[in-house]
Amino acid sequence: MIVQYSKVSVIAPARLHMGFIDLSGSLGRHFGSIGVALNEHATRLSVTSARQRIVTGPSAKRADKCLTLMCQALNVPDNLAITIESAIPEHVGLGSGTQMSLAIGSGLNAFYDLGLTVRDIAALMDRGLRSGIGIGVFEQGGLVVDGGRGEKTITPPVLVHLDIPDSWRFILVLDQRGQGLHGQQEIEAFKLLPPFPKQEAERLCYLLLMQGLPAVAENDLTKFGEVITQLQRSVGEHFSAAQGGVFTSPEVAEAMRWLSEQGAVAIGQTSWGPTGFCVLDGVVLAETITREARQKFAHFDNLSFVTASARNSGGDIFVINS
């Protein structure tokens, strides 16, 4: 017998993907990555019963596809109303696909009281085929490092979870015109990438484990920023042939150079972009630099600048009983 509640609401946070560690599996495991959950962008939706299936709101087409896959996989009725209040922008590097899948899956799981874990849902939706960051931030938020894929991996395991210090603020630089590689384009791009040097994978592993992560634990933004900038430069150069440079968007690249000159650290691009990111310590400082950036680059109509904070908790699921 299927238990059914009257309404389930889900909040799935956006994330920054701050880079891969080993793109070629030269050390035995493929990928491995680091990322951070954000407060300011999220997919928010609710699930209720309905006479017939209806999906409304932003990214409704993607949500409808997720609903079809999940209902078929779980063998549950699809006479549901999915109301999307907000959705993470698609294909800009903020994890929209994984978070929509997890939001729909978690909503159905709670609505029908199926007892699935986040990892069960991710596996059913084929999420985590490369990075496990989106799954990890939905589970627990904060800064997450996943262990990549080995021979027996179903979804990449989370190896590290740390809270981001409250005073750290991210500046996101979004290019409204473009989208990063996704879908079949992304698959083909990975196939065409040259081998990632084993020595460089070893260096990135050491930098992350022995410098970057201790810096987060000790609230040392300068050292953390140095590590992320190095990791981003290494991965960005490796991706450059596929995405047209270290940054997908030349305008974002120009803005990131200026932000670095203003003292921002951890300069990078999330996933395939085109969104760039950097970090500053202090709310007032970050908001001031963000305002100055908007004025400085006002001639780029396609750019927008957003100050964001880390979310040190995972996705939220709210259940209202019948």
Protein backbone atom coordinates (compact mmCIF):
# COMPACT_ATOMS: atom_id res chain seq x y z
CA MET A 1 0.00 0.00 0.00
CA ILE A 2 1.34 3.44 -0.95
CA VAL A 3 1.21 6.01 1.84
CA GLN A 4 0.39 9.47 0.51
CA TYR A 5 0.76 12.86 2.18
CA SER A 6 -1.13 16.00 1.21
CA LYS A 7 1.87 18.18 0.33
CA VAL A 8 5.65 18.01 0.21
CA SER A 9 7.91 21.03 -0.34
CA VAL A 10 11.59 20.76 -1.28
CA ILE A 11 14.47 23.25 -1.39
CA ALA A 12 17.54 22.11 -3.35
CA PRO A 13 20.52 24.50 -3.10
CA ALA A 14 22.73 25.59 -5.99
CA ARG A 15 26.41 24.79 -5.84
CA LEU A 16 29.75 25.99 -7.12
CA HIS A 17 31.86 23.28 -8.72
CA MET A 18 35.39 24.43 -7.91
CA GLY A 19 37.29 21.88 -9.95
CA PHE A 20 38.25 18.27 -10.63
CA ILE A 21 41.33 16.57 -9.17
CA ASP A 22 42.12 13.84 -11.71
CA LEU A 23 40.38 14.04 -15.06
CA SER A 24 42.06 10.96 -16.55
CA GLY A 25 41.98 8.51 -13.65
CA SER A 26 45.78 8.36 -13.76
CA LEU A 27 45.90 7.52 -10.05
CA GLY A 28 43.20 4.85 -10.19
CA ARG A 29 40.05 6.92 -9.66
CA HIS A 30 38.45 9.27 -12.16
CA PHE A 31 37.45 12.84 -11.39
CA GLY A 32 37.13 13.66 -7.69
CA SER A 33 36.03 17.24 -7.08
CA ILE A 34 35.46 20.08 -4.65
CA GLY A 35 32.42 22.34 -4.36
CA VAL A 36 30.35 24.58 -2.12
CA ALA A 37 26.60 24.94 -1.51
CA LEU A 38 25.05 28.40 -1.95
CA ASN A 39 22.11 30.13 -0.29
CA GLU A 40 21.15 32.62 -2.96
CA HIS A 41 20.14 30.28 -5.79
CA ALA A 42 17.93 27.25 -5.20
CA THR A 43 15.26 25.09 -6.79
CA ARG A 44 12.08 25.29 -4.71
CA LEU A 45 9.07 23.16 -5.54
CA SER A 46 6.06 21.44 -4.02
CA VAL A 47 4.29 18.16 -4.74
CA THR A 48 0.55 17.68 -4.22
CA SER A 49 -2.05 15.25 -5.53
CA ALA A 50 -4.06 16.20 -8.60
CA ARG A 51 -6.72 14.75 -10.90
CA GLN A 52 -4.19 14.76 -13.69
CA ARG A 53 -0.49 15.38 -13.93
CA ILE A 54 0.57 19.03 -14.18
CA VAL A 55 3.95 20.72 -13.87
CA THR A 56 4.14 24.52 -13.69
CA GLY A 57 6.79 27.14 -13.09
CA PRO A 58 10.36 27.81 -14.29
CA SER A 59 12.24 24.84 -15.81
CA ALA A 60 8.93 22.97 -16.01
CA LYS A 61 10.04 20.96 -19.06
CA ARG A 62 13.08 19.60 -17.19
CA ALA A 63 10.98 18.90 -14.09
CA ASP A 64 8.37 17.05 -16.17
CA LYS A 65 11.07 14.81 -17.65
CA CYS A 66 12.41 14.08 -14.15
CA LEU A 67 8.89 13.29 -12.96
CA THR A 68 8.37 10.78 -15.78
CA LEU A 69 11.64 9.00 -15.05
CA MET A 70 11.08 8.85 -11.30
CA CYS A 71 7.45 7.66 -11.46
CA GLN A 72 8.41 4.92 -13.89
CA ALA A 73 11.43 3.86 -11.84
CA LEU A 74 9.47 3.82 -8.57
CA ASN A 75 6.21 2.48 -10.03
CA VAL A 76 4.11 5.18 -8.38
CA PRO A 77 1.15 7.18 -9.77
CA ASP A 78 1.93 10.40 -11.62
CA ASN A 79 -1.41 12.18 -11.04
CA LEU A 80 0.47 14.94 -9.25
CA ALA A 81 0.79 18.70 -9.34
CA ILE A 82 4.40 19.88 -9.30
CA THR A 83 4.58 23.62 -8.61
CA ILE A 84 8.01 25.16 -9.11
CA GLU A 85 8.47 28.40 -7.20
CA SER A 86 12.05 28.98 -8.37
CA ALA A 87 14.65 27.07 -10.34
CA ILE A 88 18.43 27.29 -10.55
CA PRO A 89 19.37 28.81 -13.94
CA GLU A 90 20.06 26.02 -16.43
CA HIS A 91 23.52 25.22 -17.83
CA VAL A 92 25.43 28.09 -16.19
CA GLY A 93 27.51 25.97 -13.81
CA LEU A 94 25.31 26.05 -10.70
CA GLY A 95 24.15 22.42 -10.71
CA SER A 96 20.63 22.91 -12.05
CA GLY A 97 20.22 19.40 -13.47
CA THR A 98 21.26 17.44 -10.40
CA GLN A 99 19.31 19.67 -8.03
CA MET A 100 16.11 19.43 -10.08
CA SER A 101 16.47 15.64 -10.22
CA LEU A 102 17.06 15.41 -6.47
CA ALA A 103 14.25 17.86 -5.71
CA ILE A 104 11.71 15.89 -7.78
CA GLY A 105 13.00 12.56 -6.50
CA SER A 106 13.03 13.66 -2.86
CA GLY A 107 9.58 15.17 -3.24
CA LEU A 108 8.15 11.89 -4.57
CA ASN A 109 10.06 9.88 -1.98
CA ALA A 110 8.55 11.89 0.86
CA PHE A 111 5.09 12.20 -0.73
CA TYR A 112 4.75 8.43 -1.10
CA ASP A 113 6.84 7.64 2.01
CA LEU A 114 9.17 5.31 0.10
CA GLY A 115 12.14 5.40 2.46
CA LEU A 116 14.81 6.08 -0.17
CA THR A 117 18.08 7.82 0.54
CA VAL A 118 19.44 10.77 -1.46
CA ARG A 119 21.96 8.35 -3.00
CA ASP A 120 19.20 5.94 -4.01
CA ILE A 121 17.43 8.77 -5.80
CA ALA A 122 20.64 10.00 -7.45
CA ALA A 123 21.39 6.52 -8.78
CA LEU A 124 17.88 6.14 -10.20
CA MET A 125 18.27 9.48 -11.99
CA ASP A 126 21.81 8.75 -13.25
CA ARG A 127 23.26 11.67 -11.35
CA GLY A 128 26.87 11.65 -10.15
CA LEU A 129 28.28 10.09 -13.31
CA ARG A 130 31.31 12.35 -12.95
CA SER A 131 31.04 14.73 -10.00
CA GLY A 132 29.45 13.94 -6.65
CA ILE A 133 29.34 17.57 -5.50
CA GLY A 134 25.67 18.14 -6.30
CA ILE A 135 24.66 15.04 -4.35
CA GLY A 136 26.93 15.98 -1.45
CA VAL A 137 25.63 19.52 -1.06
CA PHE A 138 22.02 18.28 -1.17
CA GLU A 139 22.89 15.83 1.60
CA GLN A 140 24.76 18.21 3.91
CA GLY A 141 25.69 21.56 2.34
CA GLY A 142 28.92 23.38 3.12
CA LEU A 143 32.17 22.55 1.37
CA VAL A 144 32.28 19.02 -0.03
CA VAL A 145 35.08 16.93 -1.54
CA ASP A 146 34.08 13.74 -3.33
CA GLY A 147 36.33 10.78 -4.06
CA GLY A 148 35.56 10.39 -7.75
CA ARG A 149 34.73 7.12 -9.43
CA GLY A 150 36.38 3.75 -8.99
CA GLU A 151 35.51 0.38 -10.47
CA LYS A 152 32.62 -0.24 -8.06
CA THR A 153 31.33 3.31 -7.61
CA ILE A 154 27.60 3.94 -7.93
CA THR A 155 27.69 7.57 -6.81
CA PRO A 156 30.97 9.32 -5.86
CA PRO A 157 31.50 9.13 -2.08
CA VAL A 158 31.81 12.29 0.00
CA LEU A 159 35.21 12.23 1.69
CA VAL A 160 35.19 15.65 3.35
CA HIS A 161 32.50 17.99 4.60
CA LEU A 162 33.41 21.30 6.20
CA ASP A 163 31.40 24.35 7.16
CA ILE A 164 32.43 27.54 5.37
CA PRO A 165 33.24 30.41 7.79
CA ASP A 166 30.25 32.75 8.20
CA SER A 167 32.13 35.85 7.05
CA TRP A 168 33.22 34.46 3.67
CA ARG A 169 31.30 35.79 0.69
CA PHE A 170 31.34 34.69 -2.93
CA ILE A 171 30.97 37.04 -5.87
CA LEU A 172 29.37 35.34 -8.85
CA VAL A 173 29.83 36.77 -12.34
CA LEU A 174 27.09 35.51 -14.66
CA ASP A 175 27.05 35.88 -18.43
CA GLN A 176 23.39 36.09 -19.41
CA ARG A 177 24.09 35.28 -23.08
CA GLY A 178 25.72 31.91 -22.92
CA GLN A 179 25.56 28.42 -21.51
CA GLY A 180 28.33 26.01 -20.62
CA LEU A 181 28.71 22.67 -22.37
CA HIS A 182 26.05 20.17 -21.34
CA GLY A 183 24.37 16.99 -22.48
CA GLN A 184 25.91 15.28 -25.50
CA GLN A 185 28.28 18.22 -26.09
CA GLU A 186 29.75 17.71 -22.63
CA ILE A 187 30.13 13.96 -23.17
CA GLU A 188 31.95 14.51 -26.45
CA ALA A 189 34.17 17.20 -24.91
CA PHE A 190 35.35 14.81 -22.20
CA LYS A 191 36.17 12.20 -24.85
CA LEU A 192 38.34 14.66 -26.77
CA LEU A 193 40.31 16.01 -23.81
CA PRO A 194 44.00 15.03 -23.73
CA PRO A 195 45.24 12.83 -20.86
CA PHE A 196 45.54 14.70 -17.58
CA PRO A 197 49.16 14.40 -16.32
CA LYS A 198 49.58 12.03 -13.37
CA GLN A 199 52.11 14.37 -11.74
CA GLU A 200 49.64 17.24 -11.91
CA ALA A 201 46.89 15.10 -10.34
CA GLU A 202 49.30 14.23 -7.53
CA ARG A 203 50.10 17.91 -7.00
CA LEU A 204 46.44 18.91 -6.88
CA CYS A 205 45.67 16.12 -4.40
CA TYR A 206 48.44 17.35 -2.11
CA LEU A 207 47.43 21.00 -2.42
CA LEU A 208 43.83 20.23 -1.59
CA LEU A 209 44.44 17.79 1.27
CA MET A 210 47.38 19.48 2.98
CA GLN A 211 46.77 23.15 2.25
CA GLY A 212 43.27 23.95 0.98
CA LEU A 213 41.18 21.94 3.44
CA PRO A 214 43.22 22.87 6.55
CA ALA A 215 42.83 26.50 5.48
CA VAL A 216 39.04 26.20 5.57
CA ALA A 217 39.18 24.54 9.00
CA GLU A 218 41.45 27.35 10.26
CA ASN A 219 39.56 30.19 8.56
CA ASP A 220 42.55 31.09 6.39
CA LEU A 221 40.93 32.49 3.26
CA THR A 222 44.20 33.61 1.70
CA LYS A 223 45.68 30.10 1.67
CA PHE A 224 42.40 28.51 0.59
CA GLY A 225 42.16 31.05 -2.22
CA GLU A 226 45.68 30.25 -3.44
CA VAL A 227 44.85 26.55 -3.66
CA ILE A 228 41.55 27.05 -5.50
CA THR A 229 43.13 29.49 -7.95
CA GLN A 230 45.90 26.99 -8.73
CA LEU A 231 43.43 24.13 -9.11
CA GLN A 232 41.18 26.25 -11.32
CA ARG A 233 44.06 27.37 -13.51
CA SER A 234 45.24 23.80 -14.00
CA VAL A 235 41.80 22.41 -14.85
CA GLY A 236 40.85 25.48 -16.90
CA GLU A 237 43.94 25.14 -19.07
CA HIS A 238 43.13 21.45 -19.55
CA PHE A 239 39.58 22.36 -20.63
CA SER A 240 40.65 25.37 -22.72
CA ALA A 241 40.51 23.63 -26.12
CA ALA A 242 36.91 22.55 -25.48
CA GLN A 243 35.61 25.79 -23.99
CA GLY A 244 37.68 28.42 -25.81
CA GLY A 245 40.04 29.37 -23.00
CA VAL A 246 40.44 29.06 -19.25
CA PHE A 247 37.07 30.85 -18.99
CA THR A 248 34.17 30.12 -21.33
CA SER A 249 33.18 33.80 -21.49
CA PRO A 250 35.83 36.42 -22.39
CA GLU A 251 33.80 39.07 -20.55
CA VAL A 252 33.69 36.96 -17.41
CA ALA A 253 37.46 36.43 -17.73
CA GLU A 254 38.00 40.20 -17.87
CA ALA A 255 35.81 40.76 -14.83
CA MET A 256 37.62 38.03 -12.89
CA ARG A 257 41.00 39.65 -13.59
CA TRP A 258 39.70 42.94 -12.21
CA LEU A 259 38.21 41.26 -9.13
CA SER A 260 41.57 39.63 -8.44
CA GLU A 261 43.19 43.07 -8.56
CA GLN A 262 40.70 44.24 -5.92
CA GLY A 263 41.87 41.53 -3.54
CA ALA A 264 39.43 38.73 -4.30
CA VAL A 265 40.84 35.19 -4.07
CA ALA A 266 39.84 31.69 -5.21
CA ILE A 267 39.43 32.93 -8.77
CA GLY A 268 37.65 30.42 -10.97
CA GLN A 269 34.81 29.21 -13.14
CA THR A 270 32.20 26.82 -11.85
CA SER A 271 31.91 23.66 -13.96
CA TRP A 272 31.76 24.49 -17.71
CA GLY A 273 30.66 28.02 -16.87
CA PRO A 274 30.08 30.57 -18.04
CA THR A 275 29.69 31.66 -14.41
CA GLY A 276 32.84 32.85 -12.68
CA PHE A 277 33.37 33.06 -8.94
CA CYS A 278 35.75 34.50 -6.35
CA VAL A 279 35.77 34.91 -2.57
CA LEU A 280 36.24 37.80 -0.14
CA ASP A 281 36.22 37.92 3.66
CA GLY A 282 33.55 40.24 4.98
CA VAL A 283 29.96 40.99 4.01
CA VAL A 284 30.40 44.76 3.64
CA LEU A 285 33.61 44.37 1.60
CA ALA A 286 32.02 41.84 -0.77
CA GLU A 287 28.92 43.95 -1.31
CA THR A 288 31.05 47.06 -1.91
CA ILE A 289 33.24 45.30 -4.49
CA THR A 290 30.13 43.85 -6.15
CA ARG A 291 28.62 47.34 -6.56
CA GLU A 292 31.90 48.66 -7.94
CA ALA A 293 32.06 45.74 -10.39
CA ARG A 294 28.57 46.52 -11.68
CA GLN A 295 29.63 50.10 -12.35
CA LYS A 296 33.00 49.11 -13.83
CA PHE A 297 31.45 46.63 -16.28
CA ALA A 298 28.15 48.38 -16.95
CA HIS A 299 29.07 48.46 -20.65
CA PHE A 300 28.79 44.66 -20.71
CA ASP A 301 25.01 44.31 -20.84
CA ASN A 302 25.30 40.55 -20.61
CA LEU A 303 27.13 40.46 -17.25
CA SER A 304 25.54 40.44 -13.82
CA PHE A 305 27.24 40.35 -10.42
CA VAL A 306 25.78 38.65 -7.34
CA THR A 307 27.07 38.43 -3.79
CA ALA A 308 26.39 34.96 -2.35
CA SER A 309 26.90 33.16 0.94
CA ALA A 310 27.70 29.53 1.59
CA ARG A 311 24.90 27.28 2.78
CA ASN A 312 26.17 25.07 5.57
CA SER A 313 23.16 22.77 5.51
CA GLY A 314 21.72 20.51 2.86
CA GLY A 315 18.43 20.46 1.02
CA ASP A 316 15.19 20.89 2.97
CA ILE A 317 12.14 18.63 2.73
CA PHE A 318 8.89 19.69 4.42
CA VAL A 319 5.98 17.24 4.76
CA ILE A 320 2.38 18.17 5.54
CA ASN A 321 0.29 15.21 6.70
CA SER A 322 -3.15 14.49 5.31
